[in-house]
Amino acid sequence: MSEGGRDQILVTRQLSGAVMTRLREHFEVDVYEGRGAMPREELVRRVAGKAAAITLLTDRVDREVLEAAGPGLRIVANYAVGYDNVDVACCTEQRVLVGNTPDVLTETTADMAFALLAAAARRICEGDRFVRSGETWIWDPGMMLGWDLHHKTLGIVGFGRIGQAVARRARGFAMRVLYAANAPAPSEVERETGAERMPLDELLEESDFVSLHVPLTPATRHMIGARELERMKRTAVLVNTARGPVVDEQALADALRDGTIFAAALDVFEREPKVLPALRELPNAVLVPHLGSATVETRLAMGMLAAENVLAALDGRRPPALVNPQAWPNARARRNAAP
């Protein structure tokens, strides 16, 4: 806590102006002003003595960071739905709350997934590059043929909030919807979306489009590799708006080059922000720089939810989006015991 009695917090990247204003109304804010990701050594140094940290997916929060922060750190508020960059178990052990930003980006990310699906199937980016090249052309019946979306089969891998939102959009295209998930969706969701659950291998074999919506865990790392790509139709399109390491990028590049599948569209990458050179060279790979939630409205909502997670935690209230509820009683006791 500062000499003025206000808690000090760290924000690892500049957020929307309204979010920063809200934070500064309540706290002394130390924000990283550099370009790109906050350097690791700077994160470790500047987190010291902070009561809270608002972090991004590029910030690895582990034991080293928690120890550098000291006993006053009460919450790590991740500016994302995913939190694979945060060692949640270590935070819980250290009685540090972890927050994320679910719900507010569901519809926007589903929009992006469908946009990527259409872009890859209809070769939109390829056509854009062709027109910009200045090459002479004339309309031709066989030019840049892609594949219809309507009345095709969409396989959704992971059927949480975003996967279900994608399924709802698919109904507007009269698509058959399949999904693979560890547990069945509620019956009312299946009725609303018309989605049918089946094992992953069968989904891959039957789908014309496969859209990934799983969190990154040890079980989902490289869940789409050479074996899975071989099971897909040669006319199939793969879309990934989840996490990059869910897909084996080298296997995907090989499959795209060899015609194992028709196309792929990726919003996330295995070693982000680095992209496998082999993928960049392929015309049937649509590649965008993690834009799934990138709208003015959604990024503002994410920032406001991250801020509310911090405000609640430092005020002794349960954060609205708490990842590790098992840490909550201990965190409250820790706060109450503080001088």
Protein backbone atom coordinates (compact mmCIF):
# COMPACT_ATOMS: atom_id res chain seq x y z
CA MET A 1 0.00 0.00 0.00
CA SER A 2 1.26 3.47 -0.87
CA GLU A 3 1.93 6.23 1.64
CA GLY A 4 -1.39 7.80 0.65
CA GLY A 5 -3.23 4.70 1.81
CA ARG A 6 -4.26 3.49 -1.65
CA ASP A 7 -3.41 0.01 -2.91
CA GLN A 8 -0.87 -0.24 -5.68
CA ILE A 9 -1.69 -2.43 -8.65
CA LEU A 10 0.22 -3.49 -11.75
CA VAL A 11 -1.33 -3.48 -15.23
CA THR A 12 0.91 -5.23 -17.75
CA ARG A 13 -0.47 -3.48 -20.85
CA GLN A 14 -2.34 -0.26 -21.52
CA LEU A 15 -6.11 -0.97 -21.57
CA SER A 16 -9.09 1.07 -22.78
CA GLY A 17 -9.13 4.63 -21.51
CA ALA A 18 -12.34 4.14 -19.53
CA VAL A 19 -10.84 1.09 -17.82
CA MET A 20 -7.66 2.92 -16.84
CA THR A 21 -9.72 5.85 -15.54
CA ARG A 22 -11.78 3.52 -13.37
CA LEU A 23 -8.70 1.85 -11.96
CA ARG A 24 -6.99 5.17 -11.19
CA GLU A 25 -10.07 6.33 -9.29
CA HIS A 26 -9.36 3.64 -6.70
CA PHE A 27 -5.70 2.64 -6.90
CA GLU A 28 -2.20 3.79 -7.63
CA VAL A 29 -1.68 2.19 -11.04
CA ASP A 30 1.68 1.09 -12.39
CA VAL A 31 1.12 0.36 -16.09
CA TYR A 32 3.64 -0.96 -18.59
CA GLU A 33 3.90 1.57 -21.41
CA GLY A 34 6.23 -0.36 -23.70
CA ARG A 35 5.35 -1.92 -27.01
CA GLY A 36 4.56 -5.60 -27.09
CA ALA A 37 4.66 -7.95 -24.15
CA MET A 38 6.05 -6.82 -20.82
CA PRO A 39 9.55 -8.29 -20.49
CA ARG A 40 9.75 -11.10 -17.98
CA GLU A 41 12.41 -9.46 -15.84
CA GLU A 42 10.36 -6.25 -15.69
CA LEU A 43 7.23 -8.14 -14.63
CA VAL A 44 9.15 -9.79 -11.81
CA ARG A 45 10.59 -6.46 -10.69
CA ARG A 46 7.47 -4.31 -10.93
CA VAL A 47 5.04 -6.76 -9.33
CA ALA A 48 6.89 -6.40 -6.02
CA GLY A 49 4.69 -4.88 -3.34
CA LYS A 50 1.55 -4.80 -5.48
CA ALA A 51 -1.86 -5.74 -4.12
CA ALA A 52 -3.14 -6.85 -7.53
CA ALA A 53 -1.97 -7.48 -11.07
CA ILE A 54 -4.00 -7.33 -14.27
CA THR A 55 -2.21 -9.66 -16.65
CA LEU A 56 -2.48 -10.78 -20.27
CA LEU A 57 -1.99 -14.16 -21.89
CA THR A 58 1.58 -13.17 -22.73
CA ASP A 59 2.41 -12.82 -19.03
CA ARG A 60 3.48 -16.04 -17.34
CA VAL A 61 2.44 -15.91 -13.68
CA ASP A 62 4.22 -18.62 -11.74
CA ARG A 63 5.90 -19.15 -8.39
CA GLU A 64 8.73 -16.78 -9.25
CA VAL A 65 6.29 -13.95 -9.91
CA LEU A 66 4.24 -14.68 -6.80
CA GLU A 67 7.32 -14.74 -4.60
CA ALA A 68 8.56 -11.50 -6.17
CA ALA A 69 5.18 -9.89 -5.45
CA GLY A 70 5.35 -10.71 -1.78
CA PRO A 71 2.58 -11.45 0.72
CA GLY A 72 0.51 -8.39 -0.18
CA LEU A 73 -0.61 -9.72 -3.58
CA ARG A 74 -4.28 -10.66 -3.33
CA ILE A 75 -5.43 -11.19 -6.92
CA VAL A 76 -4.15 -11.89 -10.41
CA ALA A 77 -6.88 -10.70 -12.79
CA ASN A 78 -6.27 -12.20 -16.21
CA TYR A 79 -7.56 -10.15 -19.13
CA ALA A 80 -8.86 -13.21 -21.02
CA VAL A 81 -11.17 -16.16 -20.66
CA GLY A 82 -8.26 -18.59 -20.73
CA TYR A 83 -5.71 -18.64 -17.94
CA ASP A 84 -3.18 -21.25 -19.03
CA ASN A 85 -0.52 -18.55 -18.50
CA VAL A 86 -1.30 -18.54 -14.76
CA ASP A 87 -0.21 -21.26 -12.33
CA VAL A 88 -3.59 -21.47 -10.63
CA ALA A 89 -2.52 -24.22 -8.25
CA CYS A 90 0.41 -22.15 -7.03
CA CYS A 91 -1.82 -19.09 -6.64
CA THR A 92 -4.28 -21.11 -4.58
CA GLU A 93 -1.46 -22.44 -2.42
CA GLN A 94 -0.28 -18.85 -1.87
CA ARG A 95 -3.87 -17.71 -1.14
CA VAL A 96 -3.91 -15.48 -4.21
CA LEU A 97 -7.20 -15.20 -6.09
CA VAL A 98 -7.28 -15.63 -9.87
CA GLY A 99 -9.87 -13.87 -12.03
CA ASN A 100 -10.68 -14.07 -15.72
CA THR A 101 -13.13 -12.46 -18.17
CA PRO A 102 -15.70 -15.03 -19.34
CA ASP A 103 -19.07 -14.36 -21.01
CA VAL A 104 -18.30 -10.84 -22.26
CA LEU A 105 -16.40 -12.12 -25.31
CA THR A 106 -18.47 -15.20 -26.16
CA GLU A 107 -20.52 -13.77 -29.03
CA THR A 108 -17.64 -11.77 -30.48
CA THR A 109 -15.31 -14.77 -30.59
CA ALA A 110 -18.06 -16.88 -32.17
CA ASP A 111 -18.42 -14.18 -34.83
CA MET A 112 -14.71 -14.46 -35.55
CA ALA A 113 -14.81 -18.25 -35.76
CA PHE A 114 -17.57 -18.08 -38.35
CA ALA A 115 -15.79 -15.30 -40.25
CA LEU A 116 -12.65 -17.43 -40.45
CA LEU A 117 -14.65 -20.46 -41.51
CA ALA A 118 -16.18 -18.52 -44.39
CA ALA A 119 -12.89 -16.87 -45.34
CA ALA A 120 -11.12 -20.22 -45.65
CA ALA A 121 -13.96 -22.06 -47.41
CA ARG A 122 -14.55 -19.29 -49.96
CA ARG A 123 -10.84 -18.36 -50.38
CA ILE A 124 -11.55 -14.74 -49.48
CA CYS A 125 -8.04 -13.82 -48.33
CA GLU A 126 -6.52 -15.55 -51.32
CA GLY A 127 -8.81 -13.56 -53.60
CA ASP A 128 -7.96 -10.32 -51.85
CA ARG A 129 -4.23 -10.93 -52.31
CA PHE A 130 -4.80 -11.75 -55.98
CA VAL A 131 -6.70 -8.54 -56.69
CA ARG A 132 -4.12 -6.44 -54.84
CA SER A 133 -1.31 -8.02 -56.88
CA GLY A 134 -2.50 -6.10 -59.93
CA GLU A 135 -2.51 -9.21 -62.11
CA THR A 136 -4.87 -9.04 -65.07
CA TRP A 137 -7.97 -11.20 -64.66
CA ILE A 138 -11.41 -11.85 -66.05
CA TRP A 139 -14.36 -13.67 -64.52
CA ASP A 140 -14.03 -17.38 -65.20
CA PRO A 141 -16.29 -20.32 -64.23
CA GLY A 142 -13.38 -22.20 -62.68
CA MET A 143 -11.66 -19.34 -60.90
CA MET A 144 -10.77 -19.83 -57.20
CA LEU A 145 -13.49 -22.34 -56.47
CA GLY A 146 -14.21 -22.90 -52.81
CA TRP A 147 -16.91 -24.79 -50.89
CA ASP A 148 -20.41 -23.92 -49.75
CA LEU A 149 -21.12 -23.48 -46.05
CA HIS A 150 -24.87 -23.93 -46.20
CA HIS A 151 -26.32 -27.40 -45.61
CA LYS A 152 -22.90 -28.78 -44.68
CA THR A 153 -21.78 -30.46 -41.46
CA LEU A 154 -19.99 -28.44 -38.80
CA GLY A 155 -18.08 -30.26 -36.07
CA ILE A 156 -17.45 -28.29 -32.90
CA VAL A 157 -14.72 -29.55 -30.58
CA GLY A 158 -15.45 -28.24 -27.09
CA PHE A 159 -19.03 -27.19 -26.44
CA GLY A 160 -18.85 -24.48 -23.82
CA ARG A 161 -20.11 -20.93 -24.15
CA ILE A 162 -18.28 -20.11 -27.38
CA GLY A 163 -18.82 -23.50 -29.01
CA GLN A 164 -22.55 -23.21 -28.36
CA ALA A 165 -22.60 -19.68 -29.78
CA VAL A 166 -20.96 -20.97 -32.97
CA ALA A 167 -23.58 -23.71 -33.15
CA ARG A 168 -26.36 -21.14 -32.98
CA ARG A 169 -24.83 -19.28 -35.91
CA ALA A 170 -24.59 -22.50 -37.90
CA ARG A 171 -28.34 -22.94 -37.78
CA GLY A 172 -28.69 -19.80 -39.90
CA PHE A 173 -26.74 -21.64 -42.61
CA ALA A 174 -28.91 -24.77 -42.27
CA MET A 175 -25.86 -26.74 -41.16
CA ARG A 176 -25.87 -30.05 -39.38
CA VAL A 177 -24.02 -29.54 -36.09
CA LEU A 178 -21.95 -32.18 -34.32
CA TYR A 179 -19.98 -31.68 -31.12
CA ALA A 180 -17.32 -33.51 -29.14
CA ALA A 181 -17.09 -32.82 -25.42
CA ASN A 182 -16.24 -34.65 -22.21
CA ALA A 183 -19.85 -34.43 -21.06
CA PRO A 184 -23.17 -33.95 -22.83
CA ALA A 185 -24.52 -30.43 -23.10
CA PRO A 186 -27.80 -29.70 -21.32
CA SER A 187 -30.74 -31.10 -23.25
CA GLU A 188 -32.18 -27.63 -23.80
CA VAL A 189 -28.91 -26.53 -25.46
CA GLU A 190 -28.97 -29.56 -27.75
CA ARG A 191 -32.56 -28.78 -28.70
CA GLU A 192 -31.80 -25.10 -29.34
CA THR A 193 -28.74 -25.76 -31.48
CA GLY A 194 -29.76 -29.09 -32.98
CA ALA A 195 -26.31 -30.35 -32.01
CA GLU A 196 -25.49 -34.04 -31.77
CA ARG A 197 -22.69 -35.32 -29.53
CA MET A 198 -20.26 -37.91 -30.84
CA PRO A 199 -16.67 -39.09 -30.27
CA LEU A 200 -13.93 -36.89 -31.71
CA ASP A 201 -12.77 -39.40 -34.31
CA GLU A 202 -16.27 -39.80 -35.72
CA LEU A 203 -16.80 -36.04 -35.71
CA LEU A 204 -13.60 -35.52 -37.69
CA GLU A 205 -14.64 -38.10 -40.27
CA GLU A 206 -18.15 -36.68 -40.79
CA SER A 207 -17.53 -32.93 -40.64
CA ASP A 208 -17.00 -30.57 -43.55
CA PHE A 209 -15.82 -27.91 -41.10
CA VAL A 210 -14.15 -28.42 -37.72
CA SER A 211 -14.02 -25.52 -35.23
CA LEU A 212 -11.94 -25.80 -32.05
CA HIS A 213 -13.19 -24.34 -28.75
CA VAL A 214 -11.34 -26.16 -25.98
CA PRO A 215 -9.12 -24.72 -23.24
CA LEU A 216 -5.42 -25.49 -23.31
CA THR A 217 -4.67 -28.31 -20.87
CA PRO A 218 -2.22 -31.22 -20.92
CA ALA A 219 -5.04 -33.32 -22.41
CA THR A 220 -5.78 -30.89 -25.25
CA ARG A 221 -2.22 -30.00 -26.25
CA HIS A 222 -1.76 -31.24 -29.84
CA MET A 223 -5.18 -32.89 -29.75
CA ILE A 224 -5.26 -32.17 -33.50
CA GLY A 225 -2.18 -33.74 -35.02
CA ALA A 226 -1.26 -35.80 -38.07
CA ARG A 227 -3.50 -38.70 -37.05
CA GLU A 228 -6.56 -36.50 -36.57
CA LEU A 229 -5.96 -34.53 -39.76
CA GLU A 230 -5.78 -37.78 -41.72
CA ARG A 231 -9.25 -38.67 -40.47
CA MET A 232 -10.74 -35.46 -41.87
CA LYS A 233 -12.22 -35.09 -45.36
CA ARG A 234 -9.91 -33.84 -48.08
CA THR A 235 -12.45 -31.03 -48.60
CA ALA A 236 -12.54 -30.11 -44.88
CA VAL A 237 -11.67 -26.79 -43.27
CA LEU A 238 -10.13 -26.52 -39.79
CA VAL A 239 -10.70 -23.37 -37.69
CA ASN A 240 -8.87 -22.61 -34.43
CA THR A 241 -9.89 -19.68 -32.23
CA ALA A 242 -9.08 -21.54 -28.98
CA ARG A 243 -5.38 -21.86 -28.14
CA GLY A 244 -2.52 -22.38 -30.55
CA PRO A 245 -0.93 -25.47 -28.97
CA VAL A 246 -4.20 -27.39 -29.37
CA VAL A 247 -3.01 -27.94 -32.96
CA ASP A 248 0.31 -29.44 -34.03
CA GLU A 249 1.26 -26.67 -36.46
CA GLN A 250 3.88 -28.68 -38.35
CA ALA A 251 1.40 -31.49 -38.90
CA LEU A 252 -1.18 -28.95 -40.06
CA ALA A 253 1.26 -27.32 -42.49
CA ASP A 254 2.07 -30.75 -43.94
CA ALA A 255 -1.63 -31.58 -44.29
CA LEU A 256 -2.39 -28.30 -46.05
CA ARG A 257 0.56 -28.66 -48.39
CA ASP A 258 -0.23 -32.28 -49.25
CA GLY A 259 -3.97 -31.75 -49.73
CA THR A 260 -4.95 -33.87 -46.74
CA ILE A 261 -7.48 -31.11 -45.93
CA PHE A 262 -8.67 -28.20 -48.05
CA ALA A 263 -7.85 -25.23 -45.82
CA ALA A 264 -7.35 -23.94 -42.29
CA ALA A 265 -7.98 -20.64 -40.54
CA LEU A 266 -6.05 -19.77 -37.39
CA ASP A 267 -6.51 -16.92 -34.95
CA VAL A 268 -4.03 -18.42 -32.47
CA PHE A 269 -0.63 -20.03 -32.82
CA GLU A 270 1.47 -22.64 -31.12
CA ARG A 271 4.36 -20.30 -30.27
CA GLU A 272 2.49 -17.02 -30.46
CA PRO A 273 3.38 -14.45 -31.68
CA LYS A 274 5.75 -16.54 -33.81
CA VAL A 275 4.08 -18.32 -36.72
CA LEU A 276 5.53 -21.41 -38.34
CA PRO A 277 7.16 -20.24 -41.61
CA ALA A 278 5.66 -23.19 -43.49
CA LEU A 279 2.17 -21.96 -42.61
CA ARG A 280 2.88 -18.41 -43.78
CA GLU A 281 3.85 -19.75 -47.21
CA LEU A 282 0.59 -21.63 -47.79
CA PRO A 283 -2.21 -19.92 -49.75
CA ASN A 284 -4.84 -22.19 -48.14
CA ALA A 285 -3.99 -21.01 -44.61
CA VAL A 286 -5.89 -17.96 -43.32
CA LEU A 287 -3.82 -16.40 -40.52
CA VAL A 288 -4.89 -13.55 -38.24
CA PRO A 289 -3.15 -12.15 -35.12
CA HIS A 290 -5.38 -13.31 -32.23
CA LEU A 291 -8.33 -11.05 -33.07
CA GLY A 292 -11.10 -13.22 -31.64
CA SER A 293 -12.22 -10.65 -29.07
CA ALA A 294 -10.90 -7.61 -30.92
CA THR A 295 -13.85 -5.24 -31.08
CA VAL A 296 -14.09 -1.91 -29.31
CA GLU A 297 -17.11 -3.03 -27.30
CA THR A 298 -15.72 -6.39 -26.22
CA ARG A 299 -12.24 -5.25 -25.25
CA LEU A 300 -13.83 -2.52 -23.12
CA ALA A 301 -16.11 -5.07 -21.45
CA MET A 302 -13.15 -7.38 -20.77
CA GLY A 303 -11.21 -4.54 -19.18
CA MET A 304 -14.15 -3.52 -17.03
CA LEU A 305 -14.64 -7.09 -15.81
CA ALA A 306 -10.93 -7.42 -14.99
CA ALA A 307 -11.15 -4.12 -13.09
CA GLU A 308 -14.21 -5.31 -11.20
CA ASN A 309 -12.40 -8.51 -10.24
CA VAL A 310 -9.64 -6.37 -8.71
CA LEU A 311 -12.03 -3.92 -7.05
CA ALA A 312 -13.97 -6.74 -5.44
CA ALA A 313 -10.92 -8.63 -4.21
CA LEU A 314 -9.28 -5.57 -2.67
CA ASP A 315 -12.57 -4.55 -1.08
CA GLY A 316 -12.97 -7.95 0.57
CA ARG A 317 -15.71 -9.09 -1.80
CA ARG A 318 -15.72 -12.21 -3.93
CA PRO A 319 -14.65 -11.35 -7.51
CA PRO A 320 -17.44 -11.89 -10.04
CA ALA A 321 -15.27 -14.11 -12.25
CA LEU A 322 -13.24 -16.18 -9.81
CA VAL A 323 -11.23 -19.06 -11.24
CA ASN A 324 -10.10 -20.62 -7.94
CA PRO A 325 -13.02 -20.38 -5.50
CA GLN A 326 -11.22 -22.75 -3.16
CA ALA A 327 -8.82 -19.88 -2.42
CA TRP A 328 -11.60 -17.49 -1.45
CA PRO A 329 -12.07 -18.36 2.24
CA ASN A 330 -8.30 -18.31 2.79
CA ALA A 331 -7.93 -15.05 0.88
CA ARG A 332 -10.63 -13.42 3.03
CA ALA A 333 -8.96 -14.67 6.20
CA ARG A 334 -5.64 -13.36 4.96
CA ARG A 335 -7.11 -9.92 4.31
CA ASN A 336 -8.86 -9.78 7.67
CA ALA A 337 -5.65 -10.73 9.40
CA ALA A 338 -3.65 -8.02 7.66
CA PRO A 339 -2.60 -5.06 9.81
